[in-house]
């Protein structure tokens, strides 16, 4: 299992508004090299199924965070 710390960021404009967590480049590249775009995101005791998404504004790969996660974790 890989773990890392990051800040929650917000994208506005374009196709809408959403929050995301940037994934460090080395971690994203390692996952992509072995063919993994789908990941399990562990926050506290909760687990969420998410996908790595390329985001130009973040200059790399991110995991989008939906309203359900934001409400659960404040």
C-alpha atoms as a PDB file:
ATOM      1  CA  UNK A   1       0.000   0.000   0.000  1.00  0.00           C
ATOM      2  CA  UNK A   2       1.267   3.463  -0.900  1.00  0.00           C
ATOM      3  CA  UNK A   3       0.491   6.449   1.271  1.00  0.00           C
ATOM      4  CA  UNK A   4       1.187  10.151   0.902  1.00  0.00           C
ATOM      5  CA  UNK A   5       0.001  13.466   2.287  1.00  0.00           C
ATOM      6  CA  UNK A   6      -1.435  16.254   0.173  1.00  0.00           C
ATOM      7  CA  UNK A   7      -3.798  19.176   0.325  1.00  0.00           C
ATOM      8  CA  UNK A   8      -7.326  19.222  -0.994  1.00  0.00           C
ATOM      9  CA  UNK A   9      -7.675  21.640  -3.904  1.00  0.00           C
ATOM     10  CA  UNK A  10     -10.663  23.001  -5.821  1.00  0.00           C
ATOM     11  CA  UNK A  11     -11.108  23.327  -9.586  1.00  0.00           C
ATOM     12  CA  UNK A  12     -13.498  25.991 -10.832  1.00  0.00           C
ATOM     13  CA  UNK A  13     -14.518  26.806 -14.372  1.00  0.00           C
ATOM     14  CA  UNK A  14     -14.431  24.536 -17.375  1.00  0.00           C
ATOM     15  CA  UNK A  15     -16.852  21.653 -16.863  1.00  0.00           C
ATOM     16  CA  UNK A  16     -17.858  22.642 -13.359  1.00  0.00           C
ATOM     17  CA  UNK A  17     -16.557  22.762  -9.837  1.00  0.00           C
ATOM     18  CA  UNK A  18     -15.049  19.890  -7.958  1.00  0.00           C
ATOM     19  CA  UNK A  19     -12.406  19.105  -5.377  1.00  0.00           C
ATOM     20  CA  UNK A  20      -9.379  16.957  -5.980  1.00  0.00           C
ATOM     21  CA  UNK A  21      -6.238  15.618  -4.361  1.00  0.00           C
ATOM     22  CA  UNK A  22      -3.045  15.872  -6.429  1.00  0.00           C
ATOM     23  CA  UNK A  23      -1.129  12.595  -6.662  1.00  0.00           C
ATOM     24  CA  UNK A  24       2.673  12.878  -6.548  1.00  0.00           C
ATOM     25  CA  UNK A  25       4.188  12.299  -9.976  1.00  0.00           C
ATOM     26  CA  UNK A  26       6.358   9.352  -8.951  1.00  0.00           C
ATOM     27  CA  UNK A  27       3.415   7.527  -7.386  1.00  0.00           C
ATOM     28  CA  UNK A  28       1.114   8.198 -10.349  1.00  0.00           C
ATOM     29  CA  UNK A  29       3.774   7.026 -12.811  1.00  0.00           C
ATOM     30  CA  UNK A  30       4.378   3.824 -10.854  1.00  0.00           C
ATOM     31  CA  UNK A  31       0.658   3.012 -10.792  1.00  0.00           C
ATOM     32  CA  UNK A  32       0.220   3.809 -14.485  1.00  0.00           C
ATOM     33  CA  UNK A  33       3.268   1.757 -15.519  1.00  0.00           C
ATOM     34  CA  UNK A  34       1.699  -1.389 -14.082  1.00  0.00           C
ATOM     35  CA  UNK A  35      -1.686  -0.566 -15.612  1.00  0.00           C
ATOM     36  CA  UNK A  36      -3.579   0.734 -12.584  1.00  0.00           C
ATOM     37  CA  UNK A  37      -5.850   3.747 -13.063  1.00  0.00           C
ATOM     38  CA  UNK A  38      -8.427   2.665 -10.496  1.00  0.00           C
ATOM     39  CA  UNK A  39      -7.398   2.939  -6.854  1.00  0.00           C
ATOM     40  CA  UNK A  40      -8.785   2.529  -3.368  1.00  0.00           C
ATOM     41  CA  UNK A  41      -8.598   5.770  -1.407  1.00  0.00           C
ATOM     42  CA  UNK A  42      -8.408   5.318   2.381  1.00  0.00           C
ATOM     43  CA  UNK A  43      -9.407   8.349   4.457  1.00  0.00           C
ATOM     44  CA  UNK A  44      -9.573   7.611   8.146  1.00  0.00           C
ATOM     45  CA  UNK A  45     -11.527   4.377   8.469  1.00  0.00           C
ATOM     46  CA  UNK A  46     -13.447   4.853   5.195  1.00  0.00           C
ATOM     47  CA  UNK A  47     -12.461   3.452   1.789  1.00  0.00           C
ATOM     48  CA  UNK A  48     -13.533   4.900  -1.574  1.00  0.00           C
ATOM     49  CA  UNK A  49     -13.111   3.627  -5.124  1.00  0.00           C
ATOM     50  CA  UNK A  50     -11.607   6.349  -7.299  1.00  0.00           C
ATOM     51  CA  UNK A  51      -9.677   6.792 -10.534  1.00  0.00           C
ATOM     52  CA  UNK A  52      -6.507   8.626 -11.416  1.00  0.00           C
ATOM     53  CA  UNK A  53      -7.473  11.518 -13.677  1.00  0.00           C
ATOM     54  CA  UNK A  54      -5.174  13.749 -15.704  1.00  0.00           C
ATOM     55  CA  UNK A  55      -5.885  17.392 -14.889  1.00  0.00           C
ATOM     56  CA  UNK A  56      -4.179  20.183 -16.813  1.00  0.00           C
ATOM     57  CA  UNK A  57      -4.830  22.758 -14.058  1.00  0.00           C
ATOM     58  CA  UNK A  58      -3.040  20.555 -11.528  1.00  0.00           C
ATOM     59  CA  UNK A  59      -0.217  19.814 -13.987  1.00  0.00           C
ATOM     60  CA  UNK A  60      -0.449  16.085 -13.408  1.00  0.00           C
ATOM     61  CA  UNK A  61      -2.620  13.308 -12.020  1.00  0.00           C
ATOM     62  CA  UNK A  62      -5.316  13.763  -9.393  1.00  0.00           C
ATOM     63  CA  UNK A  63      -8.040  11.876  -7.552  1.00  0.00           C
ATOM     64  CA  UNK A  64     -11.378  13.665  -7.701  1.00  0.00           C
ATOM     65  CA  UNK A  65     -13.220  13.991  -4.403  1.00  0.00           C
ATOM     66  CA  UNK A  66     -16.986  14.010  -4.533  1.00  0.00           C
ATOM     67  CA  UNK A  67     -19.558  15.629  -2.310  1.00  0.00           C
ATOM     68  CA  UNK A  68     -20.149  12.367  -0.448  1.00  0.00           C
ATOM     69  CA  UNK A  69     -16.532  12.296   0.749  1.00  0.00           C
ATOM     70  CA  UNK A  70     -16.507  16.002   1.592  1.00  0.00           C
ATOM     71  CA  UNK A  71     -19.639  15.664   3.717  1.00  0.00           C
ATOM     72  CA  UNK A  72     -18.325  12.601   5.514  1.00  0.00           C
ATOM     73  CA  UNK A  73     -14.947  14.122   6.338  1.00  0.00           C
ATOM     74  CA  UNK A  74     -15.937  17.751   6.733  1.00  0.00           C
END
